[in-house]
N, C-alpha and C. Protein backbone atom coordinates (compact mmCIF):
# COMPACT_ATOMS: atom_id res chain seq x y z
N MET A 1 132.10 147.89 137.52
CA MET A 1 131.19 148.94 137.06
C MET A 1 129.95 148.29 136.45
N MET A 2 128.78 148.79 136.79
CA MET A 2 127.53 148.22 136.28
C MET A 2 127.34 148.59 134.82
N ASP A 3 126.79 147.65 134.05
CA ASP A 3 126.50 147.91 132.65
C ASP A 3 125.09 148.48 132.56
N PHE A 4 124.99 149.81 132.50
CA PHE A 4 123.68 150.43 132.51
C PHE A 4 122.95 150.27 131.19
N GLY A 5 123.64 149.71 130.18
CA GLY A 5 122.98 149.48 128.91
C GLY A 5 122.33 148.11 128.81
N TRP A 6 122.35 147.32 129.89
CA TRP A 6 121.85 145.95 129.79
C TRP A 6 120.38 145.91 129.43
N LYS A 7 119.59 146.84 129.97
CA LYS A 7 118.15 146.80 129.73
C LYS A 7 117.84 147.14 128.27
N LYS A 8 118.57 148.09 127.71
CA LYS A 8 118.37 148.46 126.30
C LYS A 8 118.72 147.27 125.40
N LYS A 9 119.82 146.58 125.71
CA LYS A 9 120.22 145.41 124.92
C LYS A 9 119.20 144.28 125.05
N ALA A 10 118.72 144.06 126.28
CA ALA A 10 117.73 143.00 126.51
C ALA A 10 116.42 143.33 125.80
N GLU A 11 116.05 144.60 125.80
CA GLU A 11 114.82 145.01 125.12
C GLU A 11 114.94 144.82 123.61
N ARG A 12 116.12 145.14 123.06
CA ARG A 12 116.33 144.93 121.63
C ARG A 12 116.23 143.44 121.29
N LEU A 13 116.85 142.60 122.11
CA LEU A 13 116.77 141.16 121.88
C LEU A 13 115.32 140.69 121.93
N ARG A 14 114.58 141.15 122.92
CA ARG A 14 113.19 140.74 123.07
C ARG A 14 112.35 141.14 121.85
N MET A 15 112.54 142.38 121.38
CA MET A 15 111.74 142.85 120.25
C MET A 15 112.11 142.14 118.95
N VAL A 16 113.39 141.83 118.76
CA VAL A 16 113.79 141.09 117.56
C VAL A 16 113.13 139.71 117.56
N ILE A 17 113.14 139.05 118.70
CA ILE A 17 112.53 137.72 118.79
C ILE A 17 111.02 137.81 118.57
N LEU A 18 110.37 138.76 119.22
CA LEU A 18 108.91 138.85 119.15
C LEU A 18 108.41 139.34 117.79
N SER A 19 109.27 140.04 117.04
CA SER A 19 108.82 140.57 115.74
C SER A 19 109.25 139.70 114.57
N GLY A 20 110.17 138.77 114.78
CA GLY A 20 110.64 137.97 113.66
C GLY A 20 110.68 136.48 113.90
N ALA A 21 111.12 136.06 115.08
CA ALA A 21 111.36 134.64 115.31
C ALA A 21 110.09 133.80 115.25
N HIS A 22 108.94 134.39 115.56
CA HIS A 22 107.70 133.60 115.54
C HIS A 22 107.35 133.13 114.12
N GLN A 23 107.79 133.89 113.10
CA GLN A 23 107.52 133.47 111.72
C GLN A 23 108.36 132.27 111.31
N LEU A 24 109.47 132.06 112.01
CA LEU A 24 110.40 130.99 111.67
C LEU A 24 110.32 129.82 112.64
N ALA A 25 109.48 129.95 113.67
CA ALA A 25 109.45 128.95 114.73
C ALA A 25 108.93 127.60 114.24
N LYS A 26 109.64 126.54 114.63
CA LYS A 26 109.26 125.17 114.32
C LYS A 26 109.48 124.31 115.55
N GLU A 27 109.02 123.05 115.49
CA GLU A 27 109.32 122.12 116.57
C GLU A 27 110.84 121.98 116.70
N LEU A 28 111.31 121.74 117.91
CA LEU A 28 112.75 121.55 118.10
C LEU A 28 113.23 120.35 117.30
N PRO A 29 114.36 120.46 116.60
CA PRO A 29 114.94 119.29 115.93
C PRO A 29 115.26 118.21 116.97
N PRO A 30 115.20 116.92 116.57
CA PRO A 30 115.43 115.83 117.53
C PRO A 30 116.77 115.95 118.26
N GLY A 31 117.81 116.35 117.55
CA GLY A 31 119.12 116.47 118.19
C GLY A 31 119.14 117.55 119.26
N THR A 32 118.54 118.70 118.98
CA THR A 32 118.48 119.78 119.97
C THR A 32 117.68 119.34 121.19
N ALA A 33 116.54 118.68 120.94
CA ALA A 33 115.71 118.18 122.05
C ALA A 33 116.49 117.17 122.90
N ALA A 34 117.27 116.30 122.24
CA ALA A 34 118.05 115.30 122.97
C ALA A 34 119.14 115.96 123.82
N ILE A 35 119.78 116.99 123.29
CA ILE A 35 120.81 117.70 124.06
C ILE A 35 120.20 118.38 125.28
N LEU A 36 119.03 118.98 125.12
CA LEU A 36 118.38 119.62 126.25
C LEU A 36 117.97 118.59 127.30
N ASP A 37 117.50 117.42 126.87
CA ASP A 37 117.17 116.34 127.81
C ASP A 37 118.42 115.89 128.56
N LEU A 38 119.55 115.82 127.84
CA LEU A 38 120.81 115.46 128.48
C LEU A 38 121.18 116.48 129.55
N PHE A 39 121.07 117.76 129.23
CA PHE A 39 121.38 118.81 130.20
C PHE A 39 120.45 118.73 131.41
N ARG A 40 119.17 118.46 131.17
CA ARG A 40 118.22 118.34 132.29
C ARG A 40 118.63 117.21 133.23
N ARG A 41 119.04 116.09 132.65
CA ARG A 41 119.45 114.94 133.46
C ARG A 41 120.69 115.25 134.29
N VAL A 42 121.66 115.91 133.66
CA VAL A 42 122.88 116.27 134.38
C VAL A 42 122.57 117.25 135.50
N ALA A 43 121.69 118.22 135.23
CA ALA A 43 121.33 119.20 136.26
C ALA A 43 120.61 118.53 137.43
N ALA A 44 119.76 117.54 137.12
CA ALA A 44 118.99 116.87 138.17
C ALA A 44 119.86 115.94 139.02
N THR A 45 120.82 115.28 138.38
CA THR A 45 121.63 114.27 139.09
C THR A 45 122.95 114.82 139.61
N GLY A 46 123.42 115.92 139.01
CA GLY A 46 124.73 116.44 139.37
C GLY A 46 125.88 115.62 138.83
N ASP A 47 125.56 114.64 137.99
CA ASP A 47 126.58 113.75 137.43
C ASP A 47 126.83 114.11 135.97
N GLY A 48 127.95 114.77 135.73
CA GLY A 48 128.30 115.16 134.37
C GLY A 48 129.44 114.34 133.81
N SER A 49 129.68 113.17 134.38
CA SER A 49 130.84 112.37 133.97
C SER A 49 130.77 111.94 132.51
N ASP A 50 129.58 111.67 131.99
CA ASP A 50 129.44 111.22 130.60
C ASP A 50 128.93 112.32 129.68
N LEU A 51 128.91 113.56 130.18
CA LEU A 51 128.29 114.66 129.43
C LEU A 51 128.94 114.85 128.06
N LYS A 52 130.26 114.95 128.01
CA LYS A 52 130.93 115.22 126.73
C LYS A 52 130.74 114.09 125.74
N ALA A 53 130.88 112.84 126.21
CA ALA A 53 130.75 111.69 125.32
C ALA A 53 129.33 111.60 124.77
N GLU A 54 128.35 111.82 125.63
CA GLU A 54 126.95 111.75 125.19
C GLU A 54 126.62 112.92 124.27
N PHE A 55 127.14 114.09 124.58
CA PHE A 55 126.93 115.26 123.74
C PHE A 55 127.50 115.02 122.34
N ASP A 56 128.73 114.50 122.29
CA ASP A 56 129.36 114.22 120.99
C ASP A 56 128.58 113.17 120.22
N ARG A 57 128.04 112.17 120.91
CA ARG A 57 127.27 111.11 120.24
C ARG A 57 126.00 111.70 119.62
N ILE A 58 125.31 112.56 120.36
CA ILE A 58 124.08 113.17 119.85
C ILE A 58 124.40 114.03 118.63
N CYS A 59 125.48 114.81 118.71
CA CYS A 59 125.86 115.68 117.59
C CYS A 59 126.20 114.86 116.35
N ALA A 60 126.89 113.73 116.55
CA ALA A 60 127.25 112.88 115.42
C ALA A 60 126.02 112.23 114.80
N THR A 61 125.08 111.80 115.64
CA THR A 61 123.86 111.14 115.16
C THR A 61 122.93 112.10 114.44
N HIS A 62 122.89 113.34 114.91
CA HIS A 62 121.93 114.32 114.39
C HIS A 62 122.63 115.47 113.67
N GLY A 63 123.77 115.18 113.06
CA GLY A 63 124.53 116.22 112.39
C GLY A 63 123.80 116.89 111.24
N ASP A 64 122.83 116.19 110.65
CA ASP A 64 122.10 116.76 109.51
C ASP A 64 120.79 117.43 109.92
N ASP A 65 120.52 117.50 111.21
CA ASP A 65 119.30 118.17 111.67
C ASP A 65 119.33 119.64 111.26
N PRO A 66 118.16 120.23 110.99
CA PRO A 66 118.13 121.68 110.78
C PRO A 66 118.53 122.39 112.06
N LYS A 67 119.19 123.52 111.92
CA LYS A 67 119.66 124.28 113.08
C LYS A 67 118.69 125.42 113.37
N PRO A 68 118.35 125.63 114.64
CA PRO A 68 117.52 126.80 114.97
C PRO A 68 118.22 128.08 114.54
N LEU A 69 117.43 129.09 114.19
CA LEU A 69 117.99 130.40 113.84
C LEU A 69 118.06 131.24 115.11
N TRP A 70 119.27 131.60 115.51
CA TRP A 70 119.50 132.27 116.77
C TRP A 70 119.66 133.78 116.58
N GLU A 71 119.22 134.54 117.56
CA GLU A 71 119.49 135.97 117.62
C GLU A 71 120.50 136.18 118.75
N PRO A 72 121.68 136.72 118.43
CA PRO A 72 122.71 136.88 119.46
C PRO A 72 122.60 138.20 120.22
N ALA A 73 123.14 138.22 121.42
CA ALA A 73 123.25 139.44 122.21
C ALA A 73 124.41 139.27 123.18
N ASP A 74 125.11 140.35 123.46
CA ASP A 74 126.22 140.33 124.41
C ASP A 74 125.85 141.31 125.52
N ILE A 75 125.49 140.77 126.70
CA ILE A 75 124.96 141.60 127.77
C ILE A 75 125.69 141.30 129.07
N TYR A 76 126.36 142.30 129.61
CA TYR A 76 127.06 142.23 130.88
C TYR A 76 127.94 140.98 130.99
N GLY A 77 128.73 140.74 129.97
CA GLY A 77 129.68 139.63 130.01
C GLY A 77 129.08 138.28 129.67
N TRP A 78 127.81 138.24 129.31
CA TRP A 78 127.16 136.99 128.89
C TRP A 78 126.92 137.03 127.39
N LYS A 79 127.45 136.05 126.68
CA LYS A 79 127.13 135.89 125.26
C LYS A 79 125.86 135.05 125.18
N MET A 80 124.80 135.65 124.66
CA MET A 80 123.49 135.00 124.63
C MET A 80 123.05 134.71 123.21
N GLN A 81 122.24 133.67 123.08
CA GLN A 81 121.54 133.36 121.84
C GLN A 81 120.11 132.99 122.22
N ALA A 82 119.15 133.54 121.49
CA ALA A 82 117.75 133.25 121.79
C ALA A 82 116.99 132.94 120.51
N THR A 83 115.93 132.17 120.65
CA THR A 83 115.05 131.87 119.53
C THR A 83 113.69 131.48 120.09
N LEU A 84 112.71 131.35 119.21
CA LEU A 84 111.41 130.80 119.57
C LEU A 84 111.25 129.46 118.87
N TYR A 85 110.60 128.52 119.54
CA TYR A 85 110.26 127.24 118.91
C TYR A 85 108.82 126.90 119.26
N LEU A 86 108.27 125.95 118.53
CA LEU A 86 106.87 125.54 118.74
C LEU A 86 106.81 124.26 119.58
N GLN A 87 105.90 124.25 120.52
CA GLN A 87 105.60 123.04 121.30
C GLN A 87 104.10 123.00 121.49
N ASN A 88 103.47 121.95 120.96
CA ASN A 88 102.00 121.83 121.00
C ASN A 88 101.33 123.06 120.40
N GLY A 89 101.95 123.59 119.32
CA GLY A 89 101.37 124.71 118.61
C GLY A 89 101.55 126.06 119.29
N GLN A 90 102.31 126.10 120.39
CA GLN A 90 102.51 127.34 121.11
C GLN A 90 103.99 127.74 121.07
N HIS A 91 104.23 129.05 121.20
CA HIS A 91 105.60 129.56 121.13
C HIS A 91 106.29 129.47 122.49
N TRP A 92 107.51 128.94 122.44
CA TRP A 92 108.37 128.86 123.62
C TRP A 92 109.70 129.51 123.30
N TRP A 93 110.29 130.16 124.30
CA TRP A 93 111.63 130.71 124.19
C TRP A 93 112.66 129.62 124.48
N LEU A 94 113.81 129.73 123.83
CA LEU A 94 114.98 128.93 124.17
C LEU A 94 116.16 129.89 124.18
N LEU A 95 116.89 129.91 125.29
CA LEU A 95 118.00 130.85 125.42
C LEU A 95 119.22 130.13 126.00
N ASN A 96 120.37 130.42 125.40
CA ASN A 96 121.65 129.91 125.86
C ASN A 96 122.51 131.11 126.26
N ALA A 97 123.18 131.02 127.40
CA ALA A 97 124.07 132.08 127.85
C ALA A 97 125.41 131.48 128.26
N VAL A 98 126.51 132.10 127.82
CA VAL A 98 127.86 131.63 128.13
C VAL A 98 128.67 132.83 128.59
N ARG A 99 129.47 132.64 129.63
CA ARG A 99 130.34 133.72 130.09
C ARG A 99 131.36 134.05 129.00
N ARG A 100 131.49 135.33 128.70
CA ARG A 100 132.39 135.78 127.64
C ARG A 100 133.84 135.45 127.97
N ASN A 101 134.23 135.58 129.24
CA ASN A 101 135.62 135.33 129.61
C ASN A 101 135.86 133.89 130.08
N GLU A 102 134.82 133.06 130.05
CA GLU A 102 134.90 131.64 130.40
C GLU A 102 135.38 131.40 131.84
N LYS A 103 135.24 132.42 132.68
CA LYS A 103 135.54 132.25 134.11
C LYS A 103 134.24 132.06 134.87
N ALA A 104 134.32 131.33 135.97
CA ALA A 104 133.12 131.10 136.77
C ALA A 104 132.48 132.43 137.13
N PRO A 105 131.16 132.57 136.94
CA PRO A 105 130.50 133.85 137.19
C PRO A 105 130.49 134.21 138.67
N SER A 106 130.56 135.50 138.93
CA SER A 106 130.47 136.00 140.30
C SER A 106 129.00 136.14 140.69
N GLU A 107 128.78 136.46 141.96
CA GLU A 107 127.40 136.68 142.42
C GLU A 107 126.76 137.83 141.65
N LYS A 108 127.54 138.89 141.38
CA LYS A 108 127.01 140.03 140.62
C LYS A 108 126.66 139.61 139.18
N ASP A 109 127.49 138.74 138.59
CA ASP A 109 127.21 138.24 137.24
C ASP A 109 125.88 137.50 137.21
N LEU A 110 125.63 136.68 138.24
CA LEU A 110 124.39 135.91 138.30
C LEU A 110 123.18 136.82 138.52
N VAL A 111 123.37 137.86 139.34
CA VAL A 111 122.27 138.81 139.56
C VAL A 111 121.89 139.49 138.24
N MET A 112 122.90 139.90 137.47
CA MET A 112 122.62 140.56 136.20
C MET A 112 121.97 139.59 135.20
N LEU A 113 122.44 138.35 135.19
CA LEU A 113 121.83 137.35 134.31
C LEU A 113 120.36 137.17 134.65
N ASP A 114 120.06 137.08 135.94
CA ASP A 114 118.66 136.93 136.36
C ASP A 114 117.82 138.13 135.94
N LYS A 115 118.40 139.33 136.00
CA LYS A 115 117.66 140.53 135.59
C LYS A 115 117.32 140.46 134.10
N VAL A 116 118.28 140.02 133.30
CA VAL A 116 118.05 139.92 131.86
C VAL A 116 116.98 138.87 131.57
N LEU A 117 117.10 137.70 132.20
CA LEU A 117 116.12 136.64 131.99
C LEU A 117 114.72 137.10 132.39
N ASP A 118 114.63 137.78 133.53
CA ASP A 118 113.33 138.28 134.00
C ASP A 118 112.76 139.29 133.00
N HIS A 119 113.62 140.16 132.44
CA HIS A 119 113.17 141.16 131.48
C HIS A 119 112.64 140.50 130.20
N LEU A 120 113.21 139.33 129.86
CA LEU A 120 112.77 138.62 128.66
C LEU A 120 111.50 137.80 128.90
N GLY A 121 111.13 137.62 130.17
CA GLY A 121 109.91 136.88 130.48
C GLY A 121 110.11 135.56 131.17
N ALA A 122 111.36 135.22 131.50
CA ALA A 122 111.64 133.93 132.14
C ALA A 122 111.56 134.04 133.65
N ASP A 123 111.34 132.91 134.31
CA ASP A 123 111.59 132.78 135.73
C ASP A 123 112.99 132.18 135.82
N PRO A 124 113.99 132.95 136.26
CA PRO A 124 115.38 132.48 136.17
C PRO A 124 115.63 131.10 136.77
N LYS A 125 114.92 130.74 137.83
CA LYS A 125 115.15 129.43 138.46
C LYS A 125 114.29 128.34 137.81
N ARG A 126 112.99 128.57 137.71
CA ARG A 126 112.09 127.53 137.20
C ARG A 126 112.25 127.29 135.70
N SER A 127 112.72 128.30 134.96
CA SER A 127 112.89 128.15 133.51
C SER A 127 114.23 127.52 133.15
N MET A 128 115.08 127.30 134.14
CA MET A 128 116.43 126.81 133.87
C MET A 128 116.44 125.32 133.55
N ILE A 129 117.08 124.97 132.44
CA ILE A 129 117.34 123.58 132.10
C ILE A 129 118.62 123.13 132.80
N ILE A 130 119.66 123.91 132.62
CA ILE A 130 120.93 123.72 133.31
C ILE A 130 121.58 125.09 133.37
N GLY A 131 122.35 125.34 134.42
CA GLY A 131 122.98 126.64 134.55
C GLY A 131 124.00 126.67 135.65
N PRO A 132 124.56 127.85 135.90
CA PRO A 132 125.61 127.95 136.91
C PRO A 132 125.22 127.34 138.26
N LEU A 133 123.97 127.52 138.66
CA LEU A 133 123.54 127.01 139.96
C LEU A 133 123.26 125.51 139.94
N SER A 134 123.43 124.87 138.77
CA SER A 134 123.30 123.41 138.67
C SER A 134 124.62 122.72 139.02
N SER A 135 125.67 123.49 139.23
CA SER A 135 126.98 122.90 139.51
C SER A 135 126.93 122.07 140.79
N PRO A 136 127.56 120.88 140.80
CA PRO A 136 127.59 120.06 142.01
C PRO A 136 128.24 120.82 143.17
N ASP A 137 127.85 120.47 144.39
CA ASP A 137 128.42 121.12 145.57
C ASP A 137 129.94 120.99 145.56
N GLY A 138 130.59 122.09 145.86
CA GLY A 138 132.04 122.08 145.93
C GLY A 138 132.74 122.31 144.61
N GLU A 139 131.97 122.32 143.51
CA GLU A 139 132.55 122.53 142.18
C GLU A 139 132.38 123.99 141.76
N PRO A 140 133.28 124.50 140.91
CA PRO A 140 133.10 125.88 140.41
C PRO A 140 131.77 126.01 139.66
N LEU A 141 131.21 127.21 139.68
CA LEU A 141 129.97 127.44 138.96
C LEU A 141 130.19 127.25 137.46
N MET A 142 129.20 126.65 136.81
CA MET A 142 129.27 126.50 135.35
C MET A 142 129.34 127.86 134.68
N VAL A 143 129.97 127.91 133.52
CA VAL A 143 130.10 129.17 132.79
C VAL A 143 129.02 129.31 131.72
N PHE A 144 128.04 128.40 131.70
CA PHE A 144 126.98 128.47 130.69
C PHE A 144 125.65 128.04 131.30
N GLY A 145 124.60 128.27 130.55
CA GLY A 145 123.28 127.83 130.97
C GLY A 145 122.30 127.82 129.82
N TRP A 146 121.22 127.05 130.01
CA TRP A 146 120.13 126.98 129.04
C TRP A 146 118.81 127.20 129.79
N TRP A 147 117.91 127.97 129.18
CA TRP A 147 116.61 128.26 129.78
C TRP A 147 115.54 128.14 128.70
N THR A 148 114.35 127.71 129.10
CA THR A 148 113.20 127.67 128.18
C THR A 148 111.95 128.05 128.96
N TRP A 149 111.05 128.79 128.27
CA TRP A 149 109.81 129.20 128.93
C TRP A 149 108.76 129.55 127.88
N PHE A 150 107.52 129.44 128.30
CA PHE A 150 106.37 129.74 127.44
C PHE A 150 106.29 131.24 127.20
N ASN A 151 106.14 131.64 125.94
CA ASN A 151 106.05 133.06 125.61
C ASN A 151 104.68 133.63 125.99
N GLN A 152 104.70 134.67 126.78
CA GLN A 152 103.45 135.35 127.15
C GLN A 152 103.41 136.80 126.64
N TRP A 153 104.41 137.18 125.85
CA TRP A 153 104.42 138.53 125.29
C TRP A 153 103.59 138.58 124.01
N PRO A 154 103.01 139.73 123.69
CA PRO A 154 102.35 139.86 122.38
C PRO A 154 103.38 139.78 121.26
N LEU A 155 102.94 139.27 120.11
CA LEU A 155 103.84 139.16 118.95
C LEU A 155 103.68 140.38 118.05
N TYR A 156 104.74 140.66 117.30
CA TYR A 156 104.77 141.81 116.39
C TYR A 156 105.16 141.34 114.99
N GLU A 157 105.08 142.26 114.05
CA GLU A 157 105.53 141.97 112.70
C GLU A 157 106.25 143.18 112.15
N VAL A 158 107.04 142.93 111.11
CA VAL A 158 107.82 143.99 110.48
C VAL A 158 107.12 144.42 109.20
N GLN A 159 107.02 145.73 109.00
CA GLN A 159 106.51 146.29 107.76
C GLN A 159 107.57 147.22 107.17
N VAL A 160 107.68 147.21 105.84
CA VAL A 160 108.72 147.98 105.16
C VAL A 160 108.09 148.88 104.10
N ASN A 161 108.62 150.10 104.00
CA ASN A 161 108.24 151.04 102.96
C ASN A 161 109.51 151.38 102.18
N LYS A 162 109.63 150.82 100.97
CA LYS A 162 110.85 150.99 100.19
C LYS A 162 111.03 152.42 99.68
N GLY A 163 109.99 153.23 99.79
CA GLY A 163 110.11 154.62 99.38
C GLY A 163 110.71 155.51 100.46
N LYS A 164 110.87 154.98 101.64
CA LYS A 164 111.45 155.75 102.75
C LYS A 164 112.92 155.40 102.91
N LYS A 165 113.61 156.18 103.71
CA LYS A 165 115.03 155.94 103.94
C LYS A 165 115.30 155.89 105.44
N GLY A 166 116.43 155.25 105.77
CA GLY A 166 116.87 155.21 107.16
C GLY A 166 115.89 154.48 108.06
N LEU A 167 115.73 154.99 109.26
CA LEU A 167 114.88 154.34 110.26
C LEU A 167 113.41 154.33 109.86
N GLU A 168 113.01 155.26 108.98
CA GLU A 168 111.60 155.34 108.58
C GLU A 168 111.22 154.23 107.59
N MET A 169 112.22 153.55 107.04
CA MET A 169 111.93 152.50 106.05
C MET A 169 111.23 151.30 106.68
N MET A 170 111.51 151.04 107.97
CA MET A 170 110.95 149.86 108.61
C MET A 170 110.21 150.26 109.88
N ARG A 171 109.11 149.57 110.14
CA ARG A 171 108.41 149.78 111.40
C ARG A 171 107.95 148.44 111.95
N ILE A 172 107.90 148.37 113.27
CA ILE A 172 107.44 147.17 113.97
C ILE A 172 106.09 147.49 114.57
N VAL A 173 105.10 146.65 114.22
CA VAL A 173 103.71 146.90 114.63
C VAL A 173 103.13 145.63 115.23
N PRO A 174 102.03 145.73 116.00
CA PRO A 174 101.39 144.53 116.53
C PRO A 174 101.00 143.57 115.41
N LEU A 175 101.16 142.29 115.67
CA LEU A 175 100.85 141.26 114.68
C LEU A 175 99.41 141.41 114.18
N GLY A 176 99.26 141.39 112.86
CA GLY A 176 97.93 141.52 112.26
C GLY A 176 97.54 142.94 111.92
N SER A 177 98.43 143.89 112.20
CA SER A 177 98.11 145.29 111.87
C SER A 177 98.02 145.47 110.35
N ARG A 178 97.09 146.31 109.92
CA ARG A 178 96.92 146.57 108.50
C ARG A 178 98.08 147.42 108.00
N ALA A 179 98.64 147.05 106.84
CA ALA A 179 99.72 147.82 106.24
C ALA A 179 99.13 149.05 105.56
N THR A 180 99.60 150.23 105.93
CA THR A 180 99.09 151.49 105.36
C THR A 180 100.27 152.39 105.00
N ASP A 181 99.94 153.49 104.35
CA ASP A 181 100.92 154.55 104.05
C ASP A 181 102.12 154.04 103.26
N GLY A 182 101.89 153.08 102.37
CA GLY A 182 102.97 152.59 101.53
C GLY A 182 103.81 151.48 102.15
N TYR A 183 103.47 151.06 103.35
CA TYR A 183 104.21 149.96 103.99
C TYR A 183 103.64 148.61 103.56
N GLU A 184 104.50 147.60 103.55
CA GLU A 184 104.11 146.24 103.19
C GLU A 184 104.58 145.27 104.27
N HIS A 185 103.80 144.21 104.47
CA HIS A 185 104.20 143.16 105.41
C HIS A 185 105.47 142.47 104.90
N VAL A 186 106.34 142.08 105.81
CA VAL A 186 107.54 141.32 105.46
C VAL A 186 107.37 139.90 105.95
N ASP A 187 107.39 138.95 105.02
CA ASP A 187 107.28 137.54 105.37
C ASP A 187 108.69 136.99 105.55
N LEU A 188 109.16 136.94 106.78
CA LEU A 188 110.53 136.51 107.05
C LEU A 188 110.73 135.03 106.75
N SER A 189 109.66 134.24 106.82
CA SER A 189 109.80 132.81 106.54
C SER A 189 110.18 132.57 105.08
N VAL A 190 109.64 133.38 104.16
CA VAL A 190 110.00 133.26 102.75
C VAL A 190 111.45 133.63 102.54
N ARG A 191 111.89 134.72 103.18
CA ARG A 191 113.29 135.16 103.06
C ARG A 191 114.23 134.09 103.61
N ALA A 192 113.85 133.46 104.73
CA ALA A 192 114.70 132.41 105.31
C ALA A 192 114.80 131.22 104.36
N ASP A 193 113.69 130.88 103.69
CA ASP A 193 113.71 129.77 102.72
C ASP A 193 114.61 130.10 101.54
N GLU A 194 114.59 131.38 101.09
CA GLU A 194 115.44 131.78 99.98
C GLU A 194 116.91 131.66 100.35
N ILE A 195 117.25 132.07 101.57
CA ILE A 195 118.64 131.98 102.04
C ILE A 195 119.07 130.51 102.09
N ALA A 196 118.19 129.65 102.60
CA ALA A 196 118.51 128.23 102.71
C ALA A 196 118.71 127.63 101.32
N ASP A 197 117.85 128.01 100.36
CA ASP A 197 117.98 127.50 99.00
C ASP A 197 119.31 127.93 98.37
N ASP A 198 119.69 129.20 98.60
CA ASP A 198 120.95 129.69 98.04
C ASP A 198 122.13 128.92 98.59
N LYS A 199 122.08 128.60 99.88
CA LYS A 199 123.18 127.86 100.51
C LYS A 199 123.29 126.44 99.98
N ASN A 200 122.14 125.87 99.55
CA ASN A 200 122.13 124.49 99.08
C ASN A 200 122.42 124.36 97.59
N LYS A 201 122.51 125.51 96.88
CA LYS A 201 122.80 125.43 95.45
C LYS A 201 124.25 125.04 95.24
N PRO A 202 124.53 124.21 94.19
CA PRO A 202 125.93 123.80 93.92
C PRO A 202 126.77 124.97 93.46
């Protein structure tokens, strides 16, 4: 049965990223960049014989790296995480997708994944770092994938009116919009720093 809610879920993920993640976006941590380079090499060569050992080595070496802040989504059997990061001062998407049941995806699963990626702004093939179609010939399709692409969507910001209740308390507006009618800009980067400070307190 087709999941007719996939587009609504993908749209929610896109708007959360475009309205909040850009305030938190930073250059990729060295460990994350190294893992993505590892995946690119495996996808290009088809040789994953040292993948786990190299992955574990990178994780051990960069265990103290800051972790990207991910926005999760569960769409048509794919557990996804997305974020924005900075490269040369520009925003790029990074998305990871894993099959929820850990079984090799079917052709229909891949079609739906491509639809979600396209809705988010990716080119499913050219944006792929590694994915199900990177599997060596004769091997089962991978149950996960990583994609990255340059953001071409307009950015938004969140404004809050503490005097309102329910859905009216918050609104999402184009980035740079003037706050009116009792609404105030929300600086998510400050809130993220406060959360990080609380976690680091003894």
